Each structure stands twice: as structure tokens, then as C-alpha cells.
Amino acid sequence: MLTRLTLICALLGGSAVRADDSFTKSLGPAEFKAAGLGKLSPDELARLDELVRARQSGTAAKVKEETTKAVTEEVRQQVQAEDRKSAQKQASAGIIDRVKVLLRPGTEIEYATLDAALATPFYGWRKGTVFTLTNGQRWVVTDDDRYWAPAPGKTVHVRIVPGSLGSFFMDIEDGGRPRVKFLGNTAASQTPQVPAPQ
């Protein structure tokens, strides 16, 4: 963008320099005589130069205005495109993408607790069990412990609670509190992958 503005200033500056040149003095002797300018007095030649200069500066002003409008519109469209791209990127980012941050030692991080519900019946969990929430997020159990329960036939509510050192726990309504890891987003209609009891 800076390059374009520099180029425009150079072009407009060049027009202004040419506008200050005397028209009658820029003509060669043959052109001067062919145009019949030799019949004019010095005052008339000066007036002719003023008229030409006024005409050129009016044209230069018009070119400058049109160029400024064109560049302004192009820059506005580029900014809008970048804003749309940034908004789409933020909207498509998952929970982990939103919390990825370059941190310096001693920086404090605060995660919010997420309230949701399981998208499918709850049968229990053990290490490797994948839970899909109604919001489309998928979480896998990383605890070595296990919990088994019959399907209650009702929606099971869960809370994803931040732990220490970037860990997360899933508080399952009447189903324990395993440590979990975020896998990503998917369609909420997928069934949970519960490993068979051993």
C-alpha cells in the first residue's frame, strides 16, 4: 500500500512540475511560428501561458482526485477482505486453537469452565473413552481409572473444568471426574467410543 501511495505522489508531483513550465517557451521556433504566436505581444504570451497553466493544473487536480478515489476504494476493499478473513479464522477456531498462546515465564492463565451435555447415552468411561458433547467438541479420557454405569435414559450434563499445568477434568453428572484431553470438533451426532469392560 505504501508503494502505491509513493507512486501516486510521484506522478502527481511530476504533473505539478510540468504545469509550472511556460507553454510558449517549451515550443520550438518552428512550432512557435506555425501557431502564429509571433504576432502576440509579451503580455499576451504571458496570458496564454497562464491559461495553459490553469488548464493543466485543473486537469492535474482532476487526475489527483480520481486517483485518490481509486486508491482509497482499493485499500478499503483490501482492509474489508482482511477483516472478513480474520473473522472467519476466529469463527472456525476450536477451543484449543483459541487458547494457544505464546507465554513468558510467570504468566498467569485463566480458563473458563465449560458447561455442556453428552450427545449420546452414558455407559461409563476408562482410559481412551471418547466423549462427544452436544456442542460438537470431542474429549478423550486420559485417566487410568475407570467408571461403569448403566445408561440412565436421560441427558447427562458435564462440566469441563481446567486443572493445573494446562490439564482438564470432566465432571460427569453422577459419573465421576476423569482427566480428559481435547481432541477437536466434530458433528454432535457421533456415538461415543467406549472401550469394552475388561
N, C-alpha and C. Protein backbone atom coordinates (compact mmCIF):
# COMPACT_ATOMS: atom_id res chain seq x y z
N MET A 1 0.83 -1.17 0.00
CA MET A 1 0.00 0.00 0.00
C MET A 1 0.88 1.25 0.00
N LEU A 2 1.96 1.26 0.79
CA LEU A 2 2.87 2.39 0.86
C LEU A 2 3.52 2.64 -0.49
N THR A 3 3.84 1.57 -1.21
CA THR A 3 4.45 1.70 -2.53
C THR A 3 3.49 2.41 -3.49
N ARG A 4 2.20 2.02 -3.43
CA ARG A 4 1.21 2.66 -4.31
C ARG A 4 1.10 4.15 -4.03
N LEU A 5 1.05 4.51 -2.74
CA LEU A 5 0.91 5.92 -2.38
C LEU A 5 2.14 6.71 -2.81
N THR A 6 3.32 6.12 -2.68
CA THR A 6 4.55 6.80 -3.12
C THR A 6 4.52 7.04 -4.62
N LEU A 7 4.08 6.04 -5.38
CA LEU A 7 3.98 6.16 -6.83
C LEU A 7 2.99 7.26 -7.22
N ILE A 8 1.86 7.30 -6.55
CA ILE A 8 0.85 8.32 -6.86
C ILE A 8 1.39 9.72 -6.58
N CYS A 9 2.06 9.88 -5.44
CA CYS A 9 2.63 11.20 -5.10
C CYS A 9 3.66 11.62 -6.14
N ALA A 10 4.45 10.66 -6.61
CA ALA A 10 5.47 10.97 -7.62
C ALA A 10 4.80 11.41 -8.93
N LEU A 11 3.74 10.70 -9.32
CA LEU A 11 3.05 11.06 -10.56
C LEU A 11 2.41 12.44 -10.45
N LEU A 12 1.74 12.68 -9.33
CA LEU A 12 1.08 13.97 -9.16
C LEU A 12 2.10 15.10 -9.03
N GLY A 13 3.20 14.81 -8.36
CA GLY A 13 4.26 15.81 -8.24
C GLY A 13 4.84 16.16 -9.59
N GLY A 14 5.01 15.13 -10.44
CA GLY A 14 5.53 15.36 -11.80
C GLY A 14 4.58 16.23 -12.61
N SER A 15 3.28 16.03 -12.43
CA SER A 15 2.29 16.83 -13.15
C SER A 15 2.39 18.28 -12.71
N ALA A 16 2.62 18.50 -11.41
CA ALA A 16 2.70 19.87 -10.91
C ALA A 16 3.93 20.58 -11.46
N VAL A 17 5.04 19.85 -11.59
CA VAL A 17 6.25 20.47 -12.13
C VAL A 17 6.02 20.87 -13.58
N ARG A 18 5.41 19.97 -14.35
CA ARG A 18 5.17 20.30 -15.75
C ARG A 18 4.19 21.46 -15.89
N ALA A 19 3.26 21.58 -14.95
CA ALA A 19 2.26 22.65 -15.02
C ALA A 19 2.92 24.01 -14.80
N ASP A 20 4.04 24.06 -14.08
CA ASP A 20 4.72 25.33 -13.83
C ASP A 20 5.58 25.78 -15.01
N ASP A 21 5.90 24.89 -15.94
CA ASP A 21 6.71 25.26 -17.11
C ASP A 21 5.90 26.19 -18.02
N SER A 22 6.60 27.11 -18.68
CA SER A 22 5.96 28.03 -19.61
C SER A 22 5.65 27.28 -20.90
N PHE A 23 4.40 27.35 -21.32
CA PHE A 23 3.99 26.66 -22.54
C PHE A 23 4.69 27.24 -23.77
N THR A 24 4.68 28.56 -23.87
CA THR A 24 5.23 29.19 -25.07
C THR A 24 6.74 29.00 -25.18
N LYS A 25 7.45 28.90 -24.06
CA LYS A 25 8.90 28.71 -24.09
C LYS A 25 9.27 27.25 -24.36
N SER A 26 8.30 26.34 -24.16
CA SER A 26 8.59 24.93 -24.39
C SER A 26 8.49 24.58 -25.88
N LEU A 27 7.92 25.48 -26.67
CA LEU A 27 7.78 25.22 -28.11
C LEU A 27 9.08 25.54 -28.85
N GLY A 28 9.33 24.76 -29.88
CA GLY A 28 10.48 25.05 -30.73
C GLY A 28 10.14 26.24 -31.65
N PRO A 29 11.16 26.85 -32.27
CA PRO A 29 10.91 28.02 -33.14
C PRO A 29 9.93 27.74 -34.27
N ALA A 30 10.00 26.53 -34.88
CA ALA A 30 9.10 26.22 -35.99
C ALA A 30 7.66 26.10 -35.48
N GLU A 31 7.45 25.46 -34.33
CA GLU A 31 6.11 25.32 -33.77
C GLU A 31 5.56 26.69 -33.37
N PHE A 32 6.43 27.51 -32.77
CA PHE A 32 6.03 28.85 -32.32
C PHE A 32 5.51 29.67 -33.49
N LYS A 33 6.28 29.61 -34.61
CA LYS A 33 5.91 30.38 -35.80
C LYS A 33 4.67 29.79 -36.47
N ALA A 34 4.56 28.44 -36.55
CA ALA A 34 3.42 27.79 -37.19
C ALA A 34 2.12 28.07 -36.45
N ALA A 35 2.19 28.26 -35.13
CA ALA A 35 0.99 28.54 -34.34
C ALA A 35 0.61 30.01 -34.39
N GLY A 36 1.44 30.82 -35.02
CA GLY A 36 1.15 32.25 -35.15
C GLY A 36 1.36 33.01 -33.86
N LEU A 37 2.17 32.46 -32.96
CA LEU A 37 2.38 33.11 -31.66
C LEU A 37 3.33 34.31 -31.76
N GLY A 38 4.03 34.41 -32.87
CA GLY A 38 4.93 35.56 -33.05
C GLY A 38 4.17 36.87 -33.17
N LYS A 39 2.88 36.82 -33.48
CA LYS A 39 2.07 38.03 -33.64
C LYS A 39 1.61 38.59 -32.28
N LEU A 40 1.79 37.78 -31.18
CA LEU A 40 1.31 38.20 -29.86
C LEU A 40 2.37 39.03 -29.14
N SER A 41 1.90 39.97 -28.34
CA SER A 41 2.81 40.79 -27.52
C SER A 41 3.28 39.95 -26.33
N PRO A 42 4.33 40.39 -25.65
CA PRO A 42 4.80 39.66 -24.46
C PRO A 42 3.71 39.50 -23.40
N ASP A 43 2.84 40.53 -23.23
CA ASP A 43 1.74 40.41 -22.26
C ASP A 43 0.74 39.34 -22.69
N GLU A 44 0.46 39.27 -24.00
CA GLU A 44 -0.48 38.26 -24.50
C GLU A 44 0.12 36.85 -24.36
N LEU A 45 1.45 36.73 -24.61
CA LEU A 45 2.10 35.43 -24.43
C LEU A 45 2.06 35.00 -22.96
N ALA A 46 2.28 35.95 -22.05
CA ALA A 46 2.22 35.65 -20.62
C ALA A 46 0.81 35.19 -20.23
N ARG A 47 -0.22 35.87 -20.79
CA ARG A 47 -1.61 35.48 -20.50
C ARG A 47 -1.90 34.09 -21.05
N LEU A 48 -1.38 33.78 -22.24
CA LEU A 48 -1.55 32.44 -22.82
C LEU A 48 -0.91 31.39 -21.92
N ASP A 49 0.30 31.68 -21.43
CA ASP A 49 0.98 30.74 -20.52
C ASP A 49 0.16 30.52 -19.25
N GLU A 50 -0.47 31.60 -18.73
CA GLU A 50 -1.31 31.48 -17.54
C GLU A 50 -2.53 30.60 -17.80
N LEU A 51 -3.14 30.78 -18.98
CA LEU A 51 -4.31 29.97 -19.34
C LEU A 51 -3.95 28.49 -19.46
N VAL A 52 -2.82 28.23 -20.11
CA VAL A 52 -2.37 26.83 -20.27
C VAL A 52 -2.06 26.23 -18.90
N ARG A 53 -1.38 27.00 -18.05
CA ARG A 53 -1.04 26.54 -16.70
C ARG A 53 -2.32 26.24 -15.90
N ALA A 54 -3.31 27.11 -16.00
CA ALA A 54 -4.59 26.90 -15.28
C ALA A 54 -5.28 25.64 -15.78
N ARG A 55 -5.27 25.45 -17.09
CA ARG A 55 -5.90 24.26 -17.67
C ARG A 55 -5.20 23.00 -17.20
N GLN A 56 -3.84 23.02 -17.21
CA GLN A 56 -3.07 21.85 -16.79
C GLN A 56 -3.27 21.56 -15.31
N SER A 57 -3.31 22.60 -14.48
CA SER A 57 -3.49 22.36 -13.04
C SER A 57 -4.89 21.84 -12.76
N GLY A 58 -5.88 22.28 -13.53
CA GLY A 58 -7.24 21.74 -13.37
C GLY A 58 -7.28 20.27 -13.74
N THR A 59 -6.59 19.91 -14.81
CA THR A 59 -6.51 18.51 -15.22
C THR A 59 -5.74 17.70 -14.19
N ALA A 60 -4.65 18.27 -13.67
CA ALA A 60 -3.87 17.58 -12.66
C ALA A 60 -4.69 17.36 -11.40
N ALA A 61 -5.48 18.36 -11.01
CA ALA A 61 -6.32 18.22 -9.82
C ALA A 61 -7.37 17.13 -10.03
N LYS A 62 -7.92 17.09 -11.25
CA LYS A 62 -8.93 16.06 -11.55
C LYS A 62 -8.30 14.67 -11.52
N VAL A 63 -7.11 14.54 -12.11
CA VAL A 63 -6.40 13.25 -12.11
C VAL A 63 -6.08 12.85 -10.68
N LYS A 64 -5.61 13.83 -9.89
CA LYS A 64 -5.27 13.55 -8.50
C LYS A 64 -6.51 13.07 -7.74
N GLU A 65 -7.63 13.75 -7.93
CA GLU A 65 -8.87 13.37 -7.23
C GLU A 65 -9.33 11.98 -7.64
N GLU A 66 -9.32 11.68 -8.94
CA GLU A 66 -9.74 10.36 -9.42
C GLU A 66 -8.80 9.27 -8.92
N THR A 67 -7.49 9.54 -8.94
CA THR A 67 -6.52 8.56 -8.47
C THR A 67 -6.68 8.31 -6.98
N THR A 68 -6.88 9.38 -6.22
CA THR A 68 -7.08 9.25 -4.77
C THR A 68 -8.32 8.41 -4.48
N LYS A 69 -9.40 8.67 -5.21
CA LYS A 69 -10.63 7.89 -5.01
C LYS A 69 -10.40 6.41 -5.33
N ALA A 70 -9.70 6.13 -6.43
CA ALA A 70 -9.45 4.75 -6.83
C ALA A 70 -8.60 4.02 -5.80
N VAL A 71 -7.53 4.68 -5.35
CA VAL A 71 -6.65 4.04 -4.36
C VAL A 71 -7.38 3.84 -3.04
N THR A 72 -8.15 4.85 -2.62
CA THR A 72 -8.91 4.73 -1.38
C THR A 72 -9.87 3.55 -1.44
N GLU A 73 -10.56 3.39 -2.56
CA GLU A 73 -11.50 2.28 -2.71
C GLU A 73 -10.77 0.94 -2.69
N GLU A 74 -9.63 0.86 -3.37
CA GLU A 74 -8.88 -0.39 -3.40
C GLU A 74 -8.37 -0.77 -2.01
N VAL A 75 -7.85 0.22 -1.28
CA VAL A 75 -7.36 -0.03 0.08
C VAL A 75 -8.52 -0.44 0.98
N ARG A 76 -9.66 0.22 0.84
CA ARG A 76 -10.85 -0.12 1.65
C ARG A 76 -11.27 -1.57 1.40
N GLN A 77 -11.27 -1.98 0.13
CA GLN A 77 -11.65 -3.36 -0.20
C GLN A 77 -10.64 -4.36 0.37
N GLN A 78 -9.36 -4.03 0.33
CA GLN A 78 -8.34 -4.93 0.90
C GLN A 78 -8.51 -5.07 2.40
N VAL A 79 -8.77 -3.96 3.08
CA VAL A 79 -8.97 -4.00 4.53
C VAL A 79 -10.20 -4.83 4.88
N GLN A 80 -11.29 -4.64 4.12
CA GLN A 80 -12.51 -5.42 4.36
C GLN A 80 -12.26 -6.91 4.13
N ALA A 81 -11.49 -7.24 3.09
CA ALA A 81 -11.19 -8.65 2.82
C ALA A 81 -10.36 -9.25 3.95
N GLU A 82 -9.39 -8.49 4.45
CA GLU A 82 -8.57 -8.98 5.56
C GLU A 82 -9.41 -9.14 6.82
N ASP A 83 -10.34 -8.21 7.07
CA ASP A 83 -11.22 -8.31 8.23
C ASP A 83 -12.12 -9.54 8.13
N ARG A 84 -12.66 -9.80 6.92
CA ARG A 84 -13.51 -10.98 6.73
C ARG A 84 -12.70 -12.25 6.96
N LYS A 85 -11.49 -12.29 6.44
CA LYS A 85 -10.64 -13.47 6.59
C LYS A 85 -10.31 -13.72 8.06
N SER A 86 -9.99 -12.65 8.79
CA SER A 86 -9.70 -12.77 10.21
C SER A 86 -10.91 -13.25 10.99
N ALA A 87 -12.10 -12.72 10.66
CA ALA A 87 -13.33 -13.13 11.36
C ALA A 87 -13.64 -14.60 11.08
N GLN A 88 -13.44 -15.04 9.84
CA GLN A 88 -13.69 -16.45 9.50
C GLN A 88 -12.71 -17.35 10.24
N LYS A 89 -11.46 -16.92 10.35
CA LYS A 89 -10.46 -17.73 11.04
C LYS A 89 -10.81 -17.85 12.51
N GLN A 90 -11.24 -16.75 13.14
CA GLN A 90 -11.62 -16.79 14.55
C GLN A 90 -12.87 -17.64 14.75
N ALA A 91 -13.83 -17.55 13.84
CA ALA A 91 -15.07 -18.31 13.98
C ALA A 91 -14.83 -19.81 13.83
N SER A 92 -13.86 -20.20 13.01
CA SER A 92 -13.62 -21.62 12.76
C SER A 92 -12.63 -22.23 13.75
N ALA A 93 -12.04 -21.40 14.58
CA ALA A 93 -11.05 -21.92 15.53
C ALA A 93 -11.73 -22.72 16.63
N GLY A 94 -11.16 -23.86 16.98
CA GLY A 94 -11.68 -24.66 18.07
C GLY A 94 -11.22 -24.12 19.40
N ILE A 95 -11.63 -24.78 20.49
CA ILE A 95 -11.28 -24.29 21.83
C ILE A 95 -9.78 -24.26 22.04
N ILE A 96 -9.07 -25.28 21.58
CA ILE A 96 -7.62 -25.32 21.78
C ILE A 96 -6.94 -24.25 20.93
N ASP A 97 -7.44 -24.04 19.70
CA ASP A 97 -6.85 -23.01 18.84
C ASP A 97 -7.00 -21.63 19.48
N ARG A 98 -8.11 -21.41 20.19
CA ARG A 98 -8.33 -20.11 20.82
C ARG A 98 -7.47 -19.91 22.06
N VAL A 99 -7.06 -21.02 22.71
CA VAL A 99 -6.28 -20.86 23.93
C VAL A 99 -4.78 -21.02 23.70
N LYS A 100 -4.36 -21.33 22.49
CA LYS A 100 -2.93 -21.43 22.20
C LYS A 100 -2.34 -20.02 22.25
N VAL A 101 -1.38 -19.84 23.14
CA VAL A 101 -0.77 -18.52 23.33
C VAL A 101 0.72 -18.73 23.60
N LEU A 102 1.54 -17.84 23.10
CA LEU A 102 2.95 -17.86 23.42
C LEU A 102 3.10 -17.18 24.77
N LEU A 103 3.58 -17.93 25.77
CA LEU A 103 3.63 -17.41 27.14
C LEU A 103 5.06 -17.20 27.60
N ARG A 104 5.23 -16.23 28.45
CA ARG A 104 6.51 -15.98 29.10
C ARG A 104 6.44 -16.58 30.50
N PRO A 105 7.55 -16.96 31.08
CA PRO A 105 7.53 -17.50 32.44
C PRO A 105 6.86 -16.52 33.41
N GLY A 106 6.04 -17.07 34.28
CA GLY A 106 5.35 -16.24 35.27
C GLY A 106 4.01 -15.71 34.80
N THR A 107 3.63 -15.98 33.54
CA THR A 107 2.35 -15.51 33.03
C THR A 107 1.23 -16.36 33.62
N GLU A 108 0.18 -15.72 34.10
CA GLU A 108 -0.95 -16.45 34.65
C GLU A 108 -1.99 -16.65 33.56
N ILE A 109 -2.58 -17.85 33.51
CA ILE A 109 -3.60 -18.18 32.52
C ILE A 109 -4.88 -18.49 33.26
N GLU A 110 -5.98 -18.02 32.74
CA GLU A 110 -7.26 -18.32 33.35
C GLU A 110 -8.17 -18.93 32.29
N TYR A 111 -8.60 -20.17 32.53
CA TYR A 111 -9.52 -20.85 31.62
C TYR A 111 -10.93 -20.77 32.21
N ALA A 112 -11.91 -20.73 31.37
CA ALA A 112 -13.30 -20.74 31.83
C ALA A 112 -13.80 -22.18 31.88
N THR A 113 -14.73 -22.43 32.79
CA THR A 113 -15.37 -23.74 32.89
C THR A 113 -16.43 -23.83 31.80
N LEU A 114 -16.51 -24.97 31.15
CA LEU A 114 -17.47 -25.18 30.07
C LEU A 114 -18.59 -26.10 30.57
N ASP A 115 -19.83 -25.65 30.50
CA ASP A 115 -21.00 -26.48 30.82
C ASP A 115 -21.59 -26.99 29.52
N ALA A 116 -21.82 -28.31 29.44
CA ALA A 116 -22.38 -28.91 28.22
C ALA A 116 -23.12 -30.19 28.60
N ALA A 117 -23.47 -30.97 27.60
CA ALA A 117 -24.14 -32.26 27.82
C ALA A 117 -23.55 -33.26 26.84
N LEU A 118 -23.61 -34.53 27.21
CA LEU A 118 -23.15 -35.59 26.31
C LEU A 118 -24.15 -35.74 25.18
N ALA A 119 -23.65 -35.98 23.99
CA ALA A 119 -24.53 -36.10 22.82
C ALA A 119 -25.15 -37.48 22.73
N THR A 120 -24.62 -38.45 23.48
CA THR A 120 -25.11 -39.83 23.41
C THR A 120 -25.26 -40.40 24.82
N PRO A 121 -25.89 -41.56 24.97
CA PRO A 121 -26.06 -42.15 26.31
C PRO A 121 -24.71 -42.41 26.99
N PHE A 122 -24.72 -42.33 28.32
CA PHE A 122 -23.51 -42.51 29.12
C PHE A 122 -23.49 -43.92 29.69
N TYR A 123 -22.41 -44.69 29.40
CA TYR A 123 -22.26 -46.05 29.90
C TYR A 123 -21.07 -46.18 30.84
N GLY A 124 -20.33 -45.12 31.02
CA GLY A 124 -19.14 -45.18 31.85
C GLY A 124 -17.93 -44.71 31.06
N TRP A 125 -16.75 -44.89 31.67
CA TRP A 125 -15.53 -44.46 31.00
C TRP A 125 -14.33 -45.23 31.53
N ARG A 126 -13.31 -45.23 30.75
CA ARG A 126 -11.98 -45.72 31.12
C ARG A 126 -10.99 -45.03 30.19
N LYS A 127 -9.72 -45.26 30.37
CA LYS A 127 -8.71 -44.60 29.54
C LYS A 127 -8.97 -44.89 28.07
N GLY A 128 -9.04 -43.82 27.25
CA GLY A 128 -9.28 -43.97 25.82
C GLY A 128 -10.73 -43.73 25.40
N THR A 129 -11.66 -43.64 26.37
CA THR A 129 -13.06 -43.37 26.04
C THR A 129 -13.17 -41.97 25.45
N VAL A 130 -13.87 -41.86 24.33
CA VAL A 130 -14.05 -40.56 23.67
C VAL A 130 -15.49 -40.11 23.89
N PHE A 131 -15.67 -38.92 24.44
CA PHE A 131 -16.99 -38.34 24.66
C PHE A 131 -17.21 -37.22 23.65
N THR A 132 -18.38 -37.23 23.02
CA THR A 132 -18.78 -36.15 22.12
C THR A 132 -19.85 -35.35 22.83
N LEU A 133 -19.65 -34.03 22.91
CA LEU A 133 -20.61 -33.15 23.57
C LEU A 133 -21.60 -32.61 22.56
N THR A 134 -22.71 -32.09 23.06
CA THR A 134 -23.75 -31.55 22.17
C THR A 134 -23.26 -30.34 21.38
N ASN A 135 -22.19 -29.68 21.83
CA ASN A 135 -21.65 -28.53 21.10
C ASN A 135 -20.66 -28.97 20.01
N GLY A 136 -20.45 -30.30 19.86
CA GLY A 136 -19.58 -30.82 18.81
C GLY A 136 -18.16 -31.08 19.25
N GLN A 137 -17.80 -30.72 20.48
CA GLN A 137 -16.44 -30.96 20.95
C GLN A 137 -16.26 -32.43 21.30
N ARG A 138 -15.04 -32.93 21.08
CA ARG A 138 -14.70 -34.31 21.42
C ARG A 138 -13.58 -34.30 22.44
N TRP A 139 -13.76 -35.08 23.53
CA TRP A 139 -12.78 -35.17 24.60
C TRP A 139 -12.48 -36.63 24.85
N VAL A 140 -11.21 -36.97 25.11
CA VAL A 140 -10.80 -38.35 25.38
C VAL A 140 -10.32 -38.43 26.83
N VAL A 141 -10.70 -39.53 27.50
CA VAL A 141 -10.28 -39.76 28.88
C VAL A 141 -8.81 -40.19 28.88
N THR A 142 -8.01 -39.57 29.76
CA THR A 142 -6.59 -39.92 29.87
C THR A 142 -6.27 -40.57 31.21
N ASP A 143 -7.25 -40.62 32.12
CA ASP A 143 -7.05 -41.26 33.43
C ASP A 143 -6.92 -42.77 33.29
N ASP A 144 -6.14 -43.38 34.18
CA ASP A 144 -6.02 -44.84 34.21
C ASP A 144 -7.17 -45.48 34.98
N ASP A 145 -7.92 -44.70 35.71
CA ASP A 145 -9.06 -45.20 36.48
C ASP A 145 -10.22 -45.53 35.54
N ARG A 146 -11.32 -46.09 36.09
CA ARG A 146 -12.49 -46.41 35.25
C ARG A 146 -13.75 -46.26 36.07
N TYR A 147 -14.87 -46.13 35.34
CA TYR A 147 -16.18 -45.98 35.98
C TYR A 147 -17.21 -46.57 35.02
N TRP A 148 -18.08 -47.47 35.53
CA TRP A 148 -19.11 -48.08 34.70
C TRP A 148 -20.47 -47.79 35.29
N ALA A 149 -21.44 -47.51 34.42
CA ALA A 149 -22.80 -47.23 34.87
C ALA A 149 -23.77 -47.58 33.77
N PRO A 150 -24.98 -48.00 34.14
CA PRO A 150 -25.99 -48.25 33.10
C PRO A 150 -26.43 -46.93 32.48
N ALA A 151 -26.88 -47.00 31.24
CA ALA A 151 -27.37 -45.78 30.58
C ALA A 151 -28.60 -45.28 31.32
N PRO A 152 -28.63 -44.03 31.77
CA PRO A 152 -29.73 -43.54 32.58
C PRO A 152 -30.98 -43.20 31.78
N GLY A 153 -30.88 -43.10 30.48
CA GLY A 153 -32.04 -42.74 29.66
C GLY A 153 -32.36 -41.26 29.71
N LYS A 154 -31.48 -40.48 30.24
CA LYS A 154 -31.68 -39.02 30.28
C LYS A 154 -30.39 -38.34 29.81
N THR A 155 -30.50 -37.08 29.54
CA THR A 155 -29.33 -36.31 29.12
C THR A 155 -28.38 -36.16 30.30
N VAL A 156 -27.12 -36.48 30.08
CA VAL A 156 -26.12 -36.38 31.13
C VAL A 156 -25.34 -35.08 30.93
N HIS A 157 -25.36 -34.23 31.94
CA HIS A 157 -24.66 -32.96 31.88
C HIS A 157 -23.24 -33.13 32.37
N VAL A 158 -22.33 -32.38 31.74
CA VAL A 158 -20.92 -32.43 32.12
C VAL A 158 -20.38 -31.00 32.23
N ARG A 159 -19.28 -30.89 32.95
CA ARG A 159 -18.56 -29.62 33.04
C ARG A 159 -17.10 -29.91 32.76
N ILE A 160 -16.50 -29.17 31.84
CA ILE A 160 -15.07 -29.27 31.59
C ILE A 160 -14.42 -28.23 32.49
N VAL A 161 -13.61 -28.72 33.43
CA VAL A 161 -13.00 -27.85 34.43
C VAL A 161 -11.49 -27.83 34.22
N PRO A 162 -10.89 -26.64 34.15
CA PRO A 162 -9.44 -26.56 34.00
C PRO A 162 -8.73 -27.04 35.26
N GLY A 163 -7.63 -27.74 35.05
CA GLY A 163 -6.79 -28.19 36.15
C GLY A 163 -5.47 -27.44 36.12
N SER A 164 -4.47 -27.99 36.76
CA SER A 164 -3.17 -27.33 36.78
C SER A 164 -2.35 -27.74 35.56
N LEU A 165 -1.40 -26.91 35.20
CA LEU A 165 -0.47 -27.16 34.09
C LEU A 165 -1.17 -27.48 32.77
N GLY A 166 -2.29 -26.82 32.51
CA GLY A 166 -2.98 -26.99 31.24
C GLY A 166 -3.83 -28.24 31.13
N SER A 167 -4.07 -28.93 32.22
CA SER A 167 -4.89 -30.14 32.16
C SER A 167 -6.37 -29.77 32.32
N PHE A 168 -7.25 -30.72 31.96
CA PHE A 168 -8.70 -30.51 32.08
C PHE A 168 -9.32 -31.75 32.71
N PHE A 169 -10.41 -31.54 33.46
CA PHE A 169 -11.19 -32.62 34.05
C PHE A 169 -12.62 -32.50 33.57
N MET A 170 -13.29 -33.65 33.41
CA MET A 170 -14.69 -33.66 33.01
C MET A 170 -15.51 -34.13 34.22
N ASP A 171 -16.27 -33.19 34.80
CA ASP A 171 -17.21 -33.54 35.87
C ASP A 171 -18.46 -34.08 35.20
N ILE A 172 -18.70 -35.39 35.34
CA ILE A 172 -19.85 -36.03 34.70
C ILE A 172 -20.94 -36.18 35.75
N GLU A 173 -22.14 -35.75 35.43
CA GLU A 173 -23.27 -35.85 36.34
C GLU A 173 -23.48 -37.32 36.74
N ASP A 174 -23.32 -37.63 38.01
CA ASP A 174 -23.43 -38.99 38.54
C ASP A 174 -22.50 -39.96 37.82
N GLY A 175 -21.30 -39.50 37.42
CA GLY A 175 -20.42 -40.39 36.67
C GLY A 175 -18.94 -40.18 36.89
N GLY A 176 -18.53 -39.50 37.94
CA GLY A 176 -17.11 -39.35 38.22
C GLY A 176 -16.51 -38.09 37.63
N ARG A 177 -15.16 -38.04 37.76
CA ARG A 177 -14.43 -36.85 37.31
C ARG A 177 -13.09 -37.25 36.70
N PRO A 178 -13.09 -37.78 35.47
CA PRO A 178 -11.83 -38.19 34.86
C PRO A 178 -11.06 -37.00 34.27
N ARG A 179 -9.74 -37.19 34.16
CA ARG A 179 -8.90 -36.22 33.45
C ARG A 179 -9.13 -36.46 31.96
N VAL A 180 -9.28 -35.38 31.18
CA VAL A 180 -9.59 -35.50 29.75
C VAL A 180 -8.66 -34.60 28.93
N LYS A 181 -8.62 -34.89 27.64
CA LYS A 181 -7.82 -34.12 26.69
C LYS A 181 -8.72 -33.78 25.50
N PHE A 182 -8.61 -32.55 25.01
CA PHE A 182 -9.43 -32.10 23.89
C PHE A 182 -8.93 -32.72 22.59
N LEU A 183 -9.87 -33.32 21.80
CA LEU A 183 -9.49 -33.94 20.52
C LEU A 183 -9.82 -33.05 19.33
N GLY A 184 -10.85 -32.24 19.45
CA GLY A 184 -11.26 -31.40 18.33
C GLY A 184 -12.77 -31.32 18.25
N ASN A 185 -13.24 -30.68 17.20
CA ASN A 185 -14.68 -30.54 16.99
C ASN A 185 -15.14 -31.50 15.91
N THR A 186 -16.38 -31.95 16.03
CA THR A 186 -16.97 -32.85 15.04
C THR A 186 -18.47 -32.69 15.10
N ALA A 187 -19.19 -33.42 14.28
CA ALA A 187 -20.66 -33.38 14.33
C ALA A 187 -21.13 -34.00 15.63
N ALA A 188 -22.18 -33.44 16.24
CA ALA A 188 -22.66 -33.91 17.55
C ALA A 188 -23.37 -35.24 17.46
N SER A 189 -23.62 -35.74 16.26
CA SER A 189 -24.40 -36.97 16.12
C SER A 189 -23.56 -38.24 16.27
N GLN A 190 -22.23 -38.12 16.41
CA GLN A 190 -21.41 -39.31 16.53
C GLN A 190 -21.63 -40.01 17.86
N THR A 191 -21.54 -41.32 17.87
CA THR A 191 -21.70 -42.08 19.11
C THR A 191 -20.38 -42.14 19.85
N PRO A 192 -20.41 -42.23 21.21
CA PRO A 192 -19.16 -42.27 21.95
C PRO A 192 -18.45 -43.59 21.73
N GLN A 193 -17.14 -43.56 21.78
CA GLN A 193 -16.35 -44.76 21.62
C GLN A 193 -15.95 -45.21 23.02
N VAL A 194 -16.74 -46.12 23.61
CA VAL A 194 -16.47 -46.60 24.95
C VAL A 194 -15.80 -47.98 24.82
N PRO A 195 -14.57 -48.12 25.32
CA PRO A 195 -13.93 -49.44 25.26
C PRO A 195 -14.73 -50.45 26.08
N ALA A 196 -14.72 -51.69 25.63
CA ALA A 196 -15.45 -52.74 26.33
C ALA A 196 -14.81 -52.99 27.68
N PRO A 197 -15.65 -53.35 28.72
CA PRO A 197 -15.10 -53.64 30.05
C PRO A 197 -14.19 -54.85 29.98
N GLN A 198 -13.16 -54.85 30.83
CA GLN A 198 -12.23 -55.97 30.86
C GLN A 198 -12.38 -56.75 32.13
